[in-house]
Amino acid sequence: MNNINNIPAQYHTIVHRTKELGFDMPSDLQTGSLLCTLTASRPGGRMLELGTGTGLATSWILNGMDPKSRLISVDNNALLINVAQEQLKDERVEFVCADGYEWIAAYNDEKFDLLFADAMPGKYDLFDETFALLNTGGIYFIDDMLPQPNWPEGHAQKVAAFITMLESRTDLVLTKLSWSTGIIIATKTSNIKL
């Protein structure tokens, strides 16, 4: 049960590059595997990743996508996103190096079927604006909800408040998993927040 199968071909190279850069916020294997499975449930879907990092989770999302699916992956760190661009040459993904706050505010194209929010904008900030980018029935996925060694002081309170907010909403159904780094999966049920 603990073996992770179907690890993306580029995954280990990206892990090596991530360590070289000293980046200490990569997604783990369990998160990636679950993302891959959820992505595969959206054939021909539109995916959004906020917080590309070096592309570890991106590689899993791409692994789960069929040929007609598309992914937009946004990060504000050119050094990190360059690793993803070098390692994940795939016509189904569009990498965007931009400020996430500005990108969310400016985006006005088609909505998404799956959204992995792995950055402050889209997760702790601009949640309503980000959640509005999902189609009804779309999946909102976040990790790092259990205490992590790299959390800054005061972050635990921010996480607790965010979870309380999610639990109070009537426009989604959610599952909280005390597994991996702490996963929350929410499905958007309507466009109306009551």
N, C-alpha and C. Protein backbone atom coordinates (compact mmCIF):
# COMPACT_ATOMS: atom_id res chain seq x y z
N MET A 1 0.80 -1.21 0.00
CA MET A 1 0.00 0.00 0.00
C MET A 1 0.85 1.27 0.00
N ASN A 2 2.06 1.19 0.52
CA ASN A 2 2.87 2.41 0.63
C ASN A 2 3.66 2.72 -0.64
N ASN A 3 3.66 1.80 -1.61
CA ASN A 3 4.40 2.06 -2.84
C ASN A 3 3.65 3.04 -3.71
N ILE A 4 4.37 4.00 -4.25
CA ILE A 4 3.79 4.98 -5.17
C ILE A 4 4.21 4.55 -6.58
N ASN A 5 3.24 4.30 -7.43
CA ASN A 5 3.50 3.89 -8.80
C ASN A 5 3.35 5.06 -9.76
N ASN A 6 3.78 4.83 -10.98
CA ASN A 6 3.61 5.81 -12.06
C ASN A 6 4.26 7.16 -11.76
N ILE A 7 5.42 7.13 -11.12
CA ILE A 7 6.13 8.38 -10.84
C ILE A 7 6.54 8.99 -12.18
N PRO A 8 6.25 10.29 -12.37
CA PRO A 8 6.60 10.92 -13.66
C PRO A 8 8.08 10.76 -14.00
N ALA A 9 8.38 10.63 -15.27
CA ALA A 9 9.75 10.39 -15.73
C ALA A 9 10.71 11.48 -15.26
N GLN A 10 10.26 12.72 -15.20
CA GLN A 10 11.14 13.84 -14.86
C GLN A 10 11.23 14.10 -13.36
N TYR A 11 10.43 13.37 -12.58
CA TYR A 11 10.28 13.68 -11.16
C TYR A 11 11.62 13.71 -10.42
N HIS A 12 12.43 12.66 -10.58
CA HIS A 12 13.68 12.58 -9.80
C HIS A 12 14.68 13.66 -10.20
N THR A 13 14.71 14.01 -11.47
CA THR A 13 15.58 15.11 -11.91
C THR A 13 15.12 16.42 -11.28
N ILE A 14 13.80 16.63 -11.24
CA ILE A 14 13.28 17.86 -10.64
C ILE A 14 13.58 17.88 -9.14
N VAL A 15 13.46 16.73 -8.46
CA VAL A 15 13.81 16.66 -7.04
C VAL A 15 15.27 17.09 -6.83
N HIS A 16 16.17 16.57 -7.68
CA HIS A 16 17.59 16.91 -7.58
C HIS A 16 17.80 18.41 -7.77
N ARG A 17 17.18 18.99 -8.80
CA ARG A 17 17.31 20.42 -9.05
C ARG A 17 16.72 21.25 -7.91
N THR A 18 15.63 20.75 -7.34
CA THR A 18 14.97 21.45 -6.22
C THR A 18 15.91 21.52 -5.03
N LYS A 19 16.59 20.41 -4.74
CA LYS A 19 17.54 20.38 -3.62
C LYS A 19 18.73 21.29 -3.89
N GLU A 20 19.20 21.31 -5.14
CA GLU A 20 20.31 22.20 -5.50
C GLU A 20 19.97 23.66 -5.24
N LEU A 21 18.72 24.01 -5.49
CA LEU A 21 18.28 25.40 -5.30
C LEU A 21 17.96 25.72 -3.84
N GLY A 22 17.89 24.68 -3.00
CA GLY A 22 17.56 24.90 -1.59
C GLY A 22 16.09 25.23 -1.37
N PHE A 23 15.24 24.87 -2.32
CA PHE A 23 13.81 25.14 -2.20
C PHE A 23 13.20 24.12 -1.24
N ASP A 24 12.59 24.62 -0.14
CA ASP A 24 12.14 23.71 0.92
C ASP A 24 10.62 23.59 1.01
N MET A 25 9.91 23.88 -0.08
CA MET A 25 8.45 23.77 -0.05
C MET A 25 7.90 22.91 -1.20
N PRO A 26 8.58 21.81 -1.56
CA PRO A 26 8.07 20.99 -2.66
C PRO A 26 6.92 20.10 -2.23
N SER A 27 6.08 19.73 -3.18
CA SER A 27 5.00 18.78 -2.91
C SER A 27 5.58 17.37 -2.81
N ASP A 28 4.99 16.55 -1.93
CA ASP A 28 5.52 15.20 -1.73
C ASP A 28 4.88 14.19 -2.67
N LEU A 29 5.37 12.96 -2.62
CA LEU A 29 4.90 11.90 -3.52
C LEU A 29 3.42 11.59 -3.35
N GLN A 30 2.94 11.55 -2.10
CA GLN A 30 1.53 11.23 -1.87
C GLN A 30 0.62 12.31 -2.47
N THR A 31 0.98 13.57 -2.25
CA THR A 31 0.21 14.67 -2.82
C THR A 31 0.20 14.55 -4.34
N GLY A 32 1.36 14.28 -4.92
CA GLY A 32 1.45 14.16 -6.38
C GLY A 32 0.60 13.03 -6.91
N SER A 33 0.68 11.88 -6.27
CA SER A 33 -0.09 10.73 -6.72
C SER A 33 -1.59 11.01 -6.68
N LEU A 34 -2.06 11.64 -5.61
CA LEU A 34 -3.49 11.96 -5.50
C LEU A 34 -3.89 13.00 -6.55
N LEU A 35 -3.04 13.99 -6.76
CA LEU A 35 -3.31 14.98 -7.81
C LEU A 35 -3.44 14.32 -9.18
N CYS A 36 -2.56 13.38 -9.46
CA CYS A 36 -2.58 12.65 -10.73
C CYS A 36 -3.91 11.92 -10.90
N THR A 37 -4.34 11.24 -9.85
CA THR A 37 -5.59 10.48 -9.90
C THR A 37 -6.79 11.40 -10.11
N LEU A 38 -6.83 12.51 -9.37
CA LEU A 38 -7.95 13.46 -9.51
C LEU A 38 -7.95 14.10 -10.89
N THR A 39 -6.79 14.41 -11.40
CA THR A 39 -6.68 15.00 -12.73
C THR A 39 -7.21 14.03 -13.79
N ALA A 40 -6.90 12.76 -13.62
CA ALA A 40 -7.36 11.74 -14.59
C ALA A 40 -8.88 11.63 -14.61
N SER A 41 -9.54 12.10 -13.55
CA SER A 41 -11.01 12.05 -13.50
C SER A 41 -11.65 13.18 -14.30
N ARG A 42 -10.83 14.03 -14.89
CA ARG A 42 -11.31 15.20 -15.64
C ARG A 42 -10.83 15.14 -17.10
N PRO A 43 -11.26 14.14 -17.87
CA PRO A 43 -10.80 14.06 -19.27
C PRO A 43 -11.19 15.31 -20.05
N GLY A 44 -10.25 15.80 -20.82
CA GLY A 44 -10.48 17.02 -21.59
C GLY A 44 -10.62 18.25 -20.71
N GLY A 45 -10.16 18.15 -19.48
CA GLY A 45 -10.36 19.23 -18.51
C GLY A 45 -9.35 20.35 -18.59
N ARG A 46 -9.73 21.42 -17.94
CA ARG A 46 -8.85 22.59 -17.80
C ARG A 46 -8.37 22.62 -16.35
N MET A 47 -7.05 22.62 -16.17
CA MET A 47 -6.45 22.58 -14.84
C MET A 47 -5.70 23.88 -14.58
N LEU A 48 -5.67 24.28 -13.30
CA LEU A 48 -4.93 25.46 -12.89
C LEU A 48 -4.10 25.10 -11.67
N GLU A 49 -2.82 25.46 -11.73
CA GLU A 49 -1.92 25.29 -10.58
C GLU A 49 -1.40 26.67 -10.20
N LEU A 50 -1.65 27.06 -8.96
CA LEU A 50 -1.14 28.32 -8.43
C LEU A 50 0.02 27.99 -7.49
N GLY A 51 1.23 28.27 -7.94
CA GLY A 51 2.43 27.90 -7.20
C GLY A 51 3.14 26.75 -7.86
N THR A 52 3.73 27.00 -9.01
CA THR A 52 4.44 25.96 -9.76
C THR A 52 5.61 25.41 -8.99
N GLY A 53 6.34 26.31 -8.31
CA GLY A 53 7.60 25.89 -7.70
C GLY A 53 8.53 25.39 -8.80
N THR A 54 9.18 24.27 -8.57
CA THR A 54 10.08 23.68 -9.57
C THR A 54 9.37 22.68 -10.47
N GLY A 55 8.07 22.46 -10.22
CA GLY A 55 7.30 21.60 -11.12
C GLY A 55 7.07 20.19 -10.64
N LEU A 56 7.34 19.90 -9.37
CA LEU A 56 7.11 18.53 -8.89
C LEU A 56 5.63 18.14 -9.01
N ALA A 57 4.74 18.97 -8.45
CA ALA A 57 3.31 18.67 -8.56
C ALA A 57 2.85 18.78 -10.01
N THR A 58 3.43 19.72 -10.73
CA THR A 58 3.07 19.90 -12.15
C THR A 58 3.29 18.61 -12.93
N SER A 59 4.41 17.92 -12.64
CA SER A 59 4.70 16.68 -13.36
C SER A 59 3.62 15.63 -13.11
N TRP A 60 3.09 15.60 -11.89
CA TRP A 60 2.02 14.66 -11.56
C TRP A 60 0.72 15.03 -12.26
N ILE A 61 0.40 16.32 -12.28
CA ILE A 61 -0.82 16.77 -12.95
C ILE A 61 -0.75 16.38 -14.43
N LEU A 62 0.38 16.65 -15.06
CA LEU A 62 0.56 16.29 -16.47
C LEU A 62 0.43 14.79 -16.67
N ASN A 63 0.94 13.99 -15.71
CA ASN A 63 0.84 12.53 -15.81
C ASN A 63 -0.61 12.06 -15.84
N GLY A 64 -1.49 12.78 -15.15
CA GLY A 64 -2.89 12.40 -15.09
C GLY A 64 -3.74 12.95 -16.22
N MET A 65 -3.21 13.89 -16.97
CA MET A 65 -3.99 14.55 -18.02
C MET A 65 -4.05 13.71 -19.29
N ASP A 66 -5.20 13.74 -19.95
CA ASP A 66 -5.30 13.10 -21.26
C ASP A 66 -4.84 14.09 -22.33
N PRO A 67 -4.76 13.66 -23.60
CA PRO A 67 -4.22 14.55 -24.64
C PRO A 67 -5.00 15.84 -24.85
N LYS A 68 -6.29 15.86 -24.51
CA LYS A 68 -7.09 17.06 -24.74
C LYS A 68 -7.14 18.00 -23.54
N SER A 69 -6.61 17.58 -22.41
CA SER A 69 -6.60 18.43 -21.21
C SER A 69 -5.56 19.53 -21.35
N ARG A 70 -5.76 20.60 -20.61
CA ARG A 70 -4.84 21.73 -20.61
C ARG A 70 -4.57 22.19 -19.19
N LEU A 71 -3.36 22.69 -18.95
CA LEU A 71 -2.94 23.17 -17.63
C LEU A 71 -2.31 24.54 -17.77
N ILE A 72 -2.71 25.45 -16.88
CA ILE A 72 -2.00 26.71 -16.70
C ILE A 72 -1.35 26.63 -15.33
N SER A 73 -0.04 26.90 -15.26
CA SER A 73 0.70 26.84 -14.00
C SER A 73 1.38 28.19 -13.77
N VAL A 74 1.09 28.79 -12.62
CA VAL A 74 1.52 30.17 -12.34
C VAL A 74 2.46 30.20 -11.14
N ASP A 75 3.56 30.93 -11.28
CA ASP A 75 4.47 31.16 -10.16
C ASP A 75 5.17 32.49 -10.38
N ASN A 76 5.53 33.15 -9.28
CA ASN A 76 6.19 34.45 -9.39
C ASN A 76 7.71 34.37 -9.32
N ASN A 77 8.26 33.15 -9.16
CA ASN A 77 9.70 32.99 -9.01
C ASN A 77 10.28 32.42 -10.30
N ALA A 78 10.95 33.26 -11.07
CA ALA A 78 11.49 32.84 -12.38
C ALA A 78 12.51 31.72 -12.24
N LEU A 79 13.32 31.74 -11.20
CA LEU A 79 14.34 30.70 -11.00
C LEU A 79 13.70 29.33 -10.84
N LEU A 80 12.63 29.28 -10.05
CA LEU A 80 11.94 28.00 -9.82
C LEU A 80 11.17 27.55 -11.05
N ILE A 81 10.39 28.43 -11.63
CA ILE A 81 9.54 28.04 -12.76
C ILE A 81 10.39 27.65 -13.97
N ASN A 82 11.60 28.18 -14.05
CA ASN A 82 12.50 27.80 -15.16
C ASN A 82 12.86 26.32 -15.09
N VAL A 83 13.00 25.78 -13.88
CA VAL A 83 13.27 24.34 -13.74
C VAL A 83 12.10 23.55 -14.33
N ALA A 84 10.88 23.95 -13.98
CA ALA A 84 9.69 23.27 -14.50
C ALA A 84 9.64 23.37 -16.02
N GLN A 85 9.91 24.54 -16.56
CA GLN A 85 9.87 24.72 -18.02
C GLN A 85 10.92 23.88 -18.73
N GLU A 86 12.10 23.78 -18.13
CA GLU A 86 13.18 22.98 -18.74
C GLU A 86 12.85 21.49 -18.72
N GLN A 87 12.25 21.02 -17.64
CA GLN A 87 12.03 19.59 -17.44
C GLN A 87 10.70 19.09 -18.00
N LEU A 88 9.72 19.97 -18.12
CA LEU A 88 8.37 19.56 -18.49
C LEU A 88 7.97 20.21 -19.81
N LYS A 89 8.63 19.80 -20.86
CA LYS A 89 8.32 20.34 -22.19
C LYS A 89 7.10 19.57 -22.71
N ASP A 90 5.96 20.21 -22.63
CA ASP A 90 4.69 19.55 -22.95
C ASP A 90 3.74 20.62 -23.49
N GLU A 91 3.19 20.39 -24.66
CA GLU A 91 2.31 21.39 -25.28
C GLU A 91 1.00 21.59 -24.53
N ARG A 92 0.69 20.71 -23.58
CA ARG A 92 -0.57 20.83 -22.83
C ARG A 92 -0.47 21.81 -21.67
N VAL A 93 0.74 22.27 -21.35
CA VAL A 93 0.92 23.17 -20.21
C VAL A 93 1.39 24.54 -20.67
N GLU A 94 0.85 25.57 -20.03
CA GLU A 94 1.30 26.95 -20.23
C GLU A 94 1.85 27.43 -18.90
N PHE A 95 3.15 27.73 -18.87
CA PHE A 95 3.76 28.27 -17.66
C PHE A 95 3.67 29.79 -17.70
N VAL A 96 3.26 30.37 -16.59
CA VAL A 96 3.11 31.81 -16.49
C VAL A 96 3.93 32.29 -15.30
N CYS A 97 4.94 33.10 -15.57
CA CYS A 97 5.72 33.71 -14.50
C CYS A 97 5.11 35.08 -14.22
N ALA A 98 4.35 35.14 -13.13
CA ALA A 98 3.63 36.37 -12.80
C ALA A 98 3.28 36.38 -11.33
N ASP A 99 2.98 37.56 -10.82
CA ASP A 99 2.47 37.69 -9.47
C ASP A 99 1.09 37.04 -9.41
N GLY A 100 0.91 36.08 -8.52
CA GLY A 100 -0.35 35.35 -8.44
C GLY A 100 -1.54 36.24 -8.13
N TYR A 101 -1.33 37.24 -7.28
CA TYR A 101 -2.43 38.16 -6.94
C TYR A 101 -2.91 38.90 -8.20
N GLU A 102 -1.96 39.38 -8.96
CA GLU A 102 -2.31 40.12 -10.18
C GLU A 102 -2.92 39.19 -11.22
N TRP A 103 -2.37 37.97 -11.35
CA TRP A 103 -2.87 37.04 -12.35
C TRP A 103 -4.33 36.67 -12.06
N ILE A 104 -4.63 36.35 -10.80
CA ILE A 104 -6.00 35.98 -10.42
C ILE A 104 -6.95 37.14 -10.71
N ALA A 105 -6.55 38.34 -10.34
CA ALA A 105 -7.42 39.51 -10.53
C ALA A 105 -7.66 39.79 -12.02
N ALA A 106 -6.69 39.50 -12.86
CA ALA A 106 -6.80 39.83 -14.28
C ALA A 106 -7.41 38.72 -15.13
N TYR A 107 -7.43 37.49 -14.63
CA TYR A 107 -7.87 36.36 -15.46
C TYR A 107 -9.36 36.47 -15.78
N ASN A 108 -9.69 36.33 -17.07
CA ASN A 108 -11.10 36.41 -17.48
C ASN A 108 -11.43 35.46 -18.62
N ASP A 109 -10.76 34.32 -18.65
CA ASP A 109 -10.98 33.33 -19.71
C ASP A 109 -11.84 32.19 -19.16
N GLU A 110 -11.79 31.03 -19.81
CA GLU A 110 -12.59 29.88 -19.41
C GLU A 110 -12.29 29.44 -17.98
N LYS A 111 -13.30 28.87 -17.32
CA LYS A 111 -13.13 28.38 -15.96
C LYS A 111 -12.42 27.02 -15.98
N PHE A 112 -12.09 26.54 -14.78
CA PHE A 112 -11.27 25.35 -14.62
C PHE A 112 -12.05 24.20 -13.99
N ASP A 113 -11.58 22.98 -14.25
CA ASP A 113 -12.19 21.77 -13.71
C ASP A 113 -11.45 21.25 -12.49
N LEU A 114 -10.18 21.63 -12.35
CA LEU A 114 -9.39 21.26 -11.18
C LEU A 114 -8.42 22.38 -10.91
N LEU A 115 -8.31 22.75 -9.62
CA LEU A 115 -7.44 23.85 -9.23
C LEU A 115 -6.60 23.38 -8.05
N PHE A 116 -5.28 23.40 -8.22
CA PHE A 116 -4.35 23.11 -7.13
C PHE A 116 -3.79 24.43 -6.64
N ALA A 117 -4.23 24.84 -5.46
CA ALA A 117 -3.78 26.11 -4.88
C ALA A 117 -2.63 25.83 -3.92
N ASP A 118 -1.42 26.14 -4.34
CA ASP A 118 -0.23 25.84 -3.56
C ASP A 118 0.59 27.10 -3.32
N ALA A 119 -0.11 28.23 -3.19
CA ALA A 119 0.54 29.52 -2.95
C ALA A 119 -0.39 30.36 -2.10
N MET A 120 0.11 31.43 -1.55
CA MET A 120 -0.74 32.30 -0.72
C MET A 120 -1.94 32.82 -1.53
N PRO A 121 -1.70 33.42 -2.71
CA PRO A 121 -2.87 33.83 -3.49
C PRO A 121 -3.58 32.60 -4.03
N GLY A 122 -4.87 32.53 -3.76
CA GLY A 122 -5.65 31.37 -4.18
C GLY A 122 -5.92 30.42 -3.04
N LYS A 123 -5.17 30.58 -1.97
CA LYS A 123 -5.34 29.71 -0.80
C LYS A 123 -5.75 30.60 0.37
N TYR A 124 -4.82 31.28 0.96
CA TYR A 124 -5.13 32.12 2.11
C TYR A 124 -5.60 33.52 1.71
N ASP A 125 -5.22 33.96 0.54
CA ASP A 125 -5.63 35.27 0.04
C ASP A 125 -6.40 35.09 -1.27
N LEU A 126 -7.34 35.96 -1.51
CA LEU A 126 -8.16 35.95 -2.74
C LEU A 126 -8.88 34.62 -2.94
N PHE A 127 -9.32 34.00 -1.85
CA PHE A 127 -10.00 32.71 -2.00
C PHE A 127 -11.26 32.83 -2.84
N ASP A 128 -12.12 33.79 -2.51
CA ASP A 128 -13.38 33.93 -3.26
C ASP A 128 -13.14 34.13 -4.74
N GLU A 129 -12.18 34.99 -5.07
CA GLU A 129 -11.87 35.26 -6.48
C GLU A 129 -11.33 34.01 -7.17
N THR A 130 -10.54 33.25 -6.45
CA THR A 130 -9.96 32.02 -7.02
C THR A 130 -11.01 30.93 -7.16
N PHE A 131 -11.82 30.75 -6.14
CA PHE A 131 -12.86 29.72 -6.18
C PHE A 131 -13.86 30.01 -7.30
N ALA A 132 -14.05 31.28 -7.61
CA ALA A 132 -14.94 31.67 -8.71
C ALA A 132 -14.40 31.22 -10.07
N LEU A 133 -13.12 30.88 -10.15
CA LEU A 133 -12.52 30.43 -11.41
C LEU A 133 -12.84 28.96 -11.70
N LEU A 134 -13.47 28.27 -10.75
CA LEU A 134 -13.83 26.86 -10.93
C LEU A 134 -15.22 26.71 -11.52
N ASN A 135 -15.37 25.74 -12.40
CA ASN A 135 -16.69 25.33 -12.85
C ASN A 135 -17.42 24.65 -11.70
N THR A 136 -18.76 24.67 -11.73
CA THR A 136 -19.52 23.86 -10.79
C THR A 136 -19.14 22.40 -11.02
N GLY A 137 -18.87 21.68 -9.94
CA GLY A 137 -18.36 20.31 -10.03
C GLY A 137 -16.85 20.26 -10.06
N GLY A 138 -16.20 21.41 -10.14
CA GLY A 138 -14.74 21.47 -10.17
C GLY A 138 -14.14 21.16 -8.80
N ILE A 139 -12.91 20.68 -8.83
CA ILE A 139 -12.19 20.28 -7.63
C ILE A 139 -11.19 21.36 -7.22
N TYR A 140 -11.25 21.75 -5.95
CA TYR A 140 -10.27 22.66 -5.34
C TYR A 140 -9.42 21.80 -4.41
N PHE A 141 -8.10 21.80 -4.62
CA PHE A 141 -7.19 20.90 -3.92
C PHE A 141 -6.09 21.71 -3.26
N ILE A 142 -5.86 21.45 -1.96
CA ILE A 142 -4.76 22.12 -1.25
C ILE A 142 -4.04 21.11 -0.36
N ASP A 143 -2.77 21.37 -0.13
CA ASP A 143 -1.97 20.53 0.76
C ASP A 143 -1.36 21.38 1.86
N ASP A 144 -0.50 20.79 2.66
CA ASP A 144 0.20 21.48 3.76
C ASP A 144 -0.75 22.04 4.81
N MET A 145 -1.80 21.28 5.13
CA MET A 145 -2.75 21.70 6.15
C MET A 145 -2.41 21.15 7.53
N LEU A 146 -1.47 20.19 7.59
CA LEU A 146 -0.95 19.72 8.87
C LEU A 146 0.34 20.49 9.16
N PRO A 147 0.70 20.66 10.44
CA PRO A 147 1.90 21.45 10.78
C PRO A 147 3.14 20.98 10.01
N GLN A 148 3.84 21.94 9.45
CA GLN A 148 5.05 21.68 8.67
C GLN A 148 6.24 22.38 9.33
N PRO A 149 7.44 21.80 9.22
CA PRO A 149 8.61 22.40 9.87
C PRO A 149 8.98 23.78 9.31
N ASN A 150 8.56 24.09 8.08
CA ASN A 150 8.94 25.38 7.49
C ASN A 150 7.88 26.46 7.69
N TRP A 151 6.85 26.19 8.50
CA TRP A 151 5.82 27.20 8.75
C TRP A 151 6.40 28.36 9.54
N PRO A 152 6.14 29.59 9.11
CA PRO A 152 6.56 30.74 9.91
C PRO A 152 5.68 30.90 11.15
N GLU A 153 6.14 31.68 12.08
CA GLU A 153 5.37 31.92 13.30
C GLU A 153 4.01 32.52 12.95
N GLY A 154 2.97 32.01 13.57
CA GLY A 154 1.62 32.52 13.34
C GLY A 154 0.87 31.83 12.21
N HIS A 155 1.57 30.96 11.45
CA HIS A 155 0.92 30.33 10.31
C HIS A 155 -0.13 29.30 10.74
N ALA A 156 0.09 28.65 11.87
CA ALA A 156 -0.88 27.65 12.34
C ALA A 156 -2.25 28.29 12.56
N GLN A 157 -2.27 29.51 13.07
CA GLN A 157 -3.54 30.21 13.28
C GLN A 157 -4.20 30.56 11.95
N LYS A 158 -3.39 30.90 10.96
CA LYS A 158 -3.92 31.20 9.63
C LYS A 158 -4.56 29.96 9.01
N VAL A 159 -3.90 28.81 9.17
CA VAL A 159 -4.42 27.55 8.65
C VAL A 159 -5.75 27.22 9.32
N ALA A 160 -5.79 27.34 10.66
CA ALA A 160 -7.01 27.02 11.41
C ALA A 160 -8.17 27.92 10.96
N ALA A 161 -7.91 29.20 10.77
CA ALA A 161 -8.96 30.13 10.35
C ALA A 161 -9.43 29.81 8.93
N PHE A 162 -8.50 29.41 8.07
CA PHE A 162 -8.85 29.06 6.69
C PHE A 162 -9.75 27.82 6.66
N ILE A 163 -9.40 26.82 7.45
CA ILE A 163 -10.21 25.59 7.50
C ILE A 163 -11.60 25.90 8.04
N THR A 164 -11.68 26.73 9.07
CA THR A 164 -12.98 27.12 9.62
C THR A 164 -13.83 27.82 8.57
N MET A 165 -13.21 28.69 7.78
CA MET A 165 -13.92 29.38 6.71
C MET A 165 -14.45 28.38 5.69
N LEU A 166 -13.62 27.43 5.27
CA LEU A 166 -14.05 26.44 4.30
C LEU A 166 -15.23 25.62 4.84
N GLU A 167 -15.15 25.23 6.11
CA GLU A 167 -16.20 24.42 6.71
C GLU A 167 -17.54 25.16 6.80
N SER A 168 -17.49 26.49 6.81
CA SER A 168 -18.72 27.28 6.96
C SER A 168 -19.42 27.54 5.62
N ARG A 169 -18.77 27.23 4.51
CA ARG A 169 -19.33 27.56 3.20
C ARG A 169 -20.40 26.55 2.78
N THR A 170 -21.39 27.06 2.04
CA THR A 170 -22.46 26.20 1.55
C THR A 170 -22.36 25.95 0.06
N ASP A 171 -21.30 26.45 -0.59
CA ASP A 171 -21.14 26.28 -2.04
C ASP A 171 -20.10 25.23 -2.39
N LEU A 172 -19.79 24.36 -1.41
CA LEU A 172 -18.81 23.31 -1.66
C LEU A 172 -19.05 22.14 -0.71
N VAL A 173 -18.51 21.00 -1.10
CA VAL A 173 -18.45 19.82 -0.24
C VAL A 173 -16.97 19.49 -0.07
N LEU A 174 -16.53 19.28 1.16
CA LEU A 174 -15.09 19.06 1.34
C LEU A 174 -14.78 17.84 2.17
N THR A 175 -13.58 17.33 1.94
CA THR A 175 -13.02 16.23 2.72
C THR A 175 -11.64 16.67 3.19
N LYS A 176 -11.39 16.49 4.49
CA LYS A 176 -10.09 16.81 5.08
C LYS A 176 -9.38 15.49 5.37
N LEU A 177 -8.16 15.37 4.89
CA LEU A 177 -7.38 14.15 5.07
C LEU A 177 -6.15 14.42 5.92
N SER A 178 -6.04 13.73 7.05
CA SER A 178 -4.83 13.82 7.87
C SER A 178 -3.84 12.81 7.33
N TRP A 179 -3.37 13.06 6.15
CA TRP A 179 -2.53 12.15 5.38
C TRP A 179 -1.60 13.00 4.54
N SER A 180 -0.45 12.46 4.21
CA SER A 180 0.55 13.23 3.47
C SER A 180 0.87 14.46 4.32
N THR A 181 0.80 15.65 3.74
CA THR A 181 1.08 16.88 4.49
C THR A 181 -0.19 17.53 5.02
N GLY A 182 -1.32 16.82 4.87
CA GLY A 182 -2.62 17.38 5.25
C GLY A 182 -3.29 17.92 4.01
N ILE A 183 -4.26 17.17 3.51
CA ILE A 183 -4.90 17.48 2.23
C ILE A 183 -6.34 17.91 2.47
N ILE A 184 -6.80 18.89 1.74
CA ILE A 184 -8.22 19.21 1.68
C ILE A 184 -8.64 19.19 0.22
N ILE A 185 -9.72 18.44 -0.04
CA ILE A 185 -10.30 18.38 -1.38
C ILE A 185 -11.71 18.91 -1.27
N ALA A 186 -12.04 19.93 -2.04
CA ALA A 186 -13.39 20.51 -2.04
C ALA A 186 -13.94 20.47 -3.46
N THR A 187 -15.21 20.10 -3.58
CA THR A 187 -15.89 20.15 -4.85
C THR A 187 -16.87 21.31 -4.85
N LYS A 188 -16.80 22.15 -5.84
CA LYS A 188 -17.71 23.30 -5.93
C LYS A 188 -19.09 22.81 -6.33
N THR A 189 -20.09 23.17 -5.53
CA THR A 189 -21.45 22.69 -5.79
C THR A 189 -22.36 23.75 -6.40
N SER A 190 -21.98 25.03 -6.28
CA SER A 190 -22.79 26.09 -6.88
C SER A 190 -21.94 27.34 -7.03
N ASN A 191 -22.49 28.31 -7.72
CA ASN A 191 -21.80 29.58 -7.88
C ASN A 191 -22.28 30.61 -6.86
N ILE A 192 -23.09 30.17 -5.91
CA ILE A 192 -23.66 31.08 -4.93
C ILE A 192 -23.13 30.74 -3.54
N LYS A 193 -22.49 31.70 -2.91
CA LYS A 193 -22.02 31.53 -1.54
C LYS A 193 -23.13 32.02 -0.62
N LEU A 194 -23.67 31.11 0.19
CA LEU A 194 -24.76 31.47 1.11
C LEU A 194 -24.25 31.65 2.51
